[in-house]
Protein backbone atom coordinates (compact mmCIF):
# COMPACT_ATOMS: atom_id res chain seq x y z
CA UNK A 1 0.00 0.00 0.00
CA UNK A 2 2.82 2.38 0.87
CA UNK A 3 4.57 1.60 -2.44
CA UNK A 4 1.41 2.39 -4.39
CA UNK A 5 0.98 5.70 -2.57
CA UNK A 6 4.63 6.58 -3.17
CA UNK A 7 4.26 5.73 -6.86
CA UNK A 8 1.14 7.90 -7.19
CA UNK A 9 2.79 10.75 -5.30
CA UNK A 10 5.90 10.69 -7.49
CA UNK A 11 3.75 10.62 -10.63
CA UNK A 12 1.79 13.68 -9.53
CA UNK A 13 4.94 15.45 -8.41
CA UNK A 14 6.61 14.72 -11.74
CA UNK A 15 3.65 16.10 -13.67
CA UNK A 16 3.37 19.27 -11.60
CA UNK A 17 7.12 19.83 -11.76
CA UNK A 18 7.11 19.43 -15.53
CA UNK A 19 4.24 21.87 -15.96
CA UNK A 20 5.81 24.34 -13.54
CA UNK A 21 9.21 24.13 -15.21
CA UNK A 22 7.81 24.55 -18.71
CA UNK A 23 5.87 27.66 -17.72
CA UNK A 24 8.67 29.04 -15.56
CA UNK A 25 11.41 28.53 -18.14
CA UNK A 26 9.42 29.94 -21.01
CA UNK A 27 8.55 33.08 -18.98
CA UNK A 28 12.07 33.37 -17.59
CA UNK A 29 13.76 33.17 -20.98
CA UNK A 30 11.32 35.67 -22.48
CA UNK A 31 11.93 38.22 -19.70
CA UNK A 32 15.66 37.67 -19.40
CA UNK A 33 16.73 39.54 -22.58
CA UNK A 34 14.99 42.75 -21.49
CA UNK A 35 16.98 42.79 -18.25
CA UNK A 36 20.23 41.82 -19.93
CA UNK A 37 23.50 43.71 -19.71
CA UNK A 38 25.02 42.29 -22.85
CA UNK A 39 22.59 42.39 -25.77
CA UNK A 40 24.11 39.66 -27.89
CA UNK A 41 24.86 37.05 -25.23
CA UNK A 42 21.75 37.53 -23.16
CA UNK A 43 19.39 38.06 -26.06
CA UNK A 44 20.55 35.47 -28.54
CA UNK A 45 21.28 32.55 -26.21
CA UNK A 46 18.08 32.69 -24.08
CA UNK A 47 15.99 33.22 -27.23
CA UNK A 48 17.09 29.93 -28.77
CA UNK A 49 17.30 28.20 -25.40
CA UNK A 50 13.67 29.14 -24.77
CA UNK A 51 12.67 27.48 -28.04
CA UNK A 52 14.65 24.36 -27.22
CA UNK A 53 13.31 24.10 -23.68
CA UNK A 54 9.69 24.63 -24.78
CA UNK A 55 9.95 22.09 -27.58
CA UNK A 56 11.72 19.56 -25.36
CA UNK A 57 9.14 19.91 -22.61
CA UNK A 58 6.18 19.63 -24.96
CA UNK A 59 7.55 16.43 -26.50
CA UNK A 60 8.50 15.10 -23.07
CA UNK A 61 5.08 15.81 -21.60
CA UNK A 62 3.16 14.31 -24.52
CA UNK A 63 5.27 11.12 -24.40
CA UNK A 64 5.06 11.01 -20.62
CA UNK A 65 1.28 11.30 -20.61
CA UNK A 66 0.94 8.70 -23.36
CA UNK A 67 3.00 6.23 -21.36
CA UNK A 68 1.47 7.06 -18.01
CA UNK A 69 -2.09 6.93 -19.27
CA UNK A 70 -2.01 3.13 -19.37
CA UNK A 71 -0.82 2.95 -15.75
CA UNK A 72 -2.57 5.88 -14.20
CA UNK A 73 -6.00 7.03 -13.20
CA UNK A 74 -8.86 8.48 -15.20
CA UNK A 75 -7.79 12.07 -14.55
CA UNK A 76 -4.62 11.77 -16.62
CA UNK A 77 -6.63 11.36 -19.82
CA UNK A 78 -8.14 14.80 -19.45
CA UNK A 79 -4.90 16.38 -18.26
CA UNK A 80 -3.07 14.85 -21.21
CA UNK A 81 -5.59 16.17 -23.72
CA UNK A 82 -5.76 19.68 -22.31
CA UNK A 83 -2.01 19.94 -21.83
CA UNK A 84 -1.33 18.76 -25.37
CA UNK A 85 -3.82 21.25 -26.78
CA UNK A 86 -2.37 24.05 -24.66
CA UNK A 87 1.19 23.24 -25.67
CA UNK A 88 0.38 22.91 -29.36
CA UNK A 89 -1.37 26.29 -29.44
CA UNK A 90 1.28 27.92 -27.23
CA UNK A 91 4.19 26.62 -29.29
CA UNK A 92 2.70 27.45 -32.66
CA UNK A 93 1.87 31.03 -31.56
CA UNK A 94 5.15 31.50 -29.69
CA UNK A 95 7.35 30.23 -32.49
CA UNK A 96 5.46 32.21 -35.11
CA UNK A 97 5.65 35.51 -33.20
CA UNK A 98 9.21 35.16 -32.01
CA UNK A 99 10.55 34.03 -35.37
CA UNK A 100 8.82 36.83 -37.27
CA UNK A 101 9.87 39.55 -34.81
CA UNK A 102 13.44 38.37 -34.50
CA UNK A 103 16.40 40.42 -35.64
CA UNK A 104 18.31 37.28 -36.46
CA UNK A 105 16.22 36.08 -39.38
CA UNK A 106 18.92 33.90 -40.87
CA UNK A 107 19.31 32.05 -37.57
CA UNK A 108 15.59 31.76 -36.88
CA UNK A 109 14.56 30.47 -40.29
CA UNK A 110 14.80 26.85 -39.02
CA UNK A 111 12.39 27.91 -36.27
CA UNK A 112 9.72 28.53 -38.93
CA UNK A 113 10.13 25.00 -40.25
CA UNK A 114 10.25 23.60 -36.73
CA UNK A 115 7.02 25.43 -35.91
CA UNK A 116 5.35 23.95 -38.98
CA UNK A 117 6.58 20.41 -38.31
CA UNK A 118 5.68 20.64 -34.64
CA UNK A 119 2.16 21.84 -35.45
CA UNK A 120 1.72 19.03 -37.97
CA UNK A 121 3.03 16.47 -35.48
CA UNK A 122 0.75 17.70 -32.72
CA UNK A 123 -2.31 17.86 -34.97
CA UNK A 124 -1.76 14.26 -36.13
CA UNK A 125 -1.00 13.13 -32.59
CA UNK A 126 -4.07 14.80 -31.12
CA UNK A 127 -6.46 13.62 -33.81
CA UNK A 128 -5.25 10.01 -33.48
CA UNK A 129 -5.17 10.18 -29.70
CA UNK A 130 -8.65 11.66 -29.41
CA UNK A 131 -10.07 9.24 -31.96
CA UNK A 132 -8.70 6.23 -30.09
CA UNK A 133 -9.84 7.73 -26.82
CA UNK A 134 -13.32 8.18 -28.28
CA UNK A 135 -13.47 4.54 -29.38
CA UNK A 136 -12.36 3.27 -25.98
CA UNK A 137 -14.78 5.44 -24.03
CA UNK A 138 -17.94 5.92 -26.10
CA UNK A 139 -19.69 7.99 -23.46
CA UNK A 140 -17.34 10.93 -24.02
CA UNK A 141 -18.64 12.42 -27.23
CA UNK A 142 -16.87 15.71 -26.68
CA UNK A 143 -13.54 14.05 -27.49
CA UNK A 144 -14.81 13.17 -30.93
CA UNK A 145 -15.96 16.72 -31.62
CA UNK A 146 -12.79 18.12 -30.11
CA UNK A 147 -10.76 15.92 -32.42
CA UNK A 148 -12.71 17.14 -35.45
CA UNK A 149 -12.56 20.83 -34.52
CA UNK A 150 -8.90 20.65 -33.62
CA UNK A 151 -8.00 18.96 -36.89
CA UNK A 152 -10.01 21.52 -38.86
CA UNK A 153 -8.47 24.42 -36.93
CA UNK A 154 -4.94 23.16 -37.38
CA UNK A 155 -5.40 22.37 -41.07
CA UNK A 156 -6.79 25.87 -41.74
CA UNK A 157 -4.06 27.44 -39.59
CA UNK A 158 -1.31 25.50 -41.35
CA UNK A 159 -2.61 26.22 -44.85
CA UNK A 160 -2.88 29.97 -44.11
CA UNK A 161 0.49 29.99 -42.36
CA UNK A 162 2.23 28.14 -45.19
CA UNK A 163 0.59 30.34 -47.83
CA UNK A 164 1.70 33.55 -46.12
CA UNK A 165 5.15 32.16 -45.45
CA UNK A 166 5.63 31.03 -49.05
CA UNK A 167 4.40 34.40 -50.36
CA UNK A 168 6.78 36.30 -48.08
CA UNK A 169 9.77 34.12 -48.90
CA UNK A 170 8.88 34.19 -52.60
CA UNK A 171 8.71 38.00 -52.54
CA UNK A 172 12.09 38.21 -50.78
CA UNK A 173 13.67 35.94 -53.38
CA UNK A 174 12.23 38.05 -56.21
CA UNK A 175 13.56 41.24 -54.60
CA UNK A 176 17.04 39.76 -54.20
CA UNK A 177 17.17 38.81 -57.87
């Protein structure tokens, strides 16, 4: 009994620590450049470190919740869905805004592609996850509708985003020629 309680406690502690660290690090690395003494070192390094930490934590949390959902309680299903949706929306908005407003466009161009691939990965992951979840638990119809709306939203978002991005990069190439 004590081992089960310790296992449950460590699972909850791990989840809360991961959520806390993802929010804390993303806020910390956004605020750090404005307080910096050296513009290049404290603006460039935290900017890319913030991307890396956010991406790492989103992938870590989605894998962690997928693996823990077979061992854990009913609550983790909902936490996993909401956290994945939050992180997909947060990362797509954050990477889009920070990459477009960056002074280091040549360094942040891979961030555009990473944002696109991450959004595609999360849309596929969420639609598959919510579809399977809907089949396993037929009483939760909202998961089915959430899966449909999320897939539609992300497909529209990605098509608009890619169209604008291709137009902007196409215009820049024409101006350089």
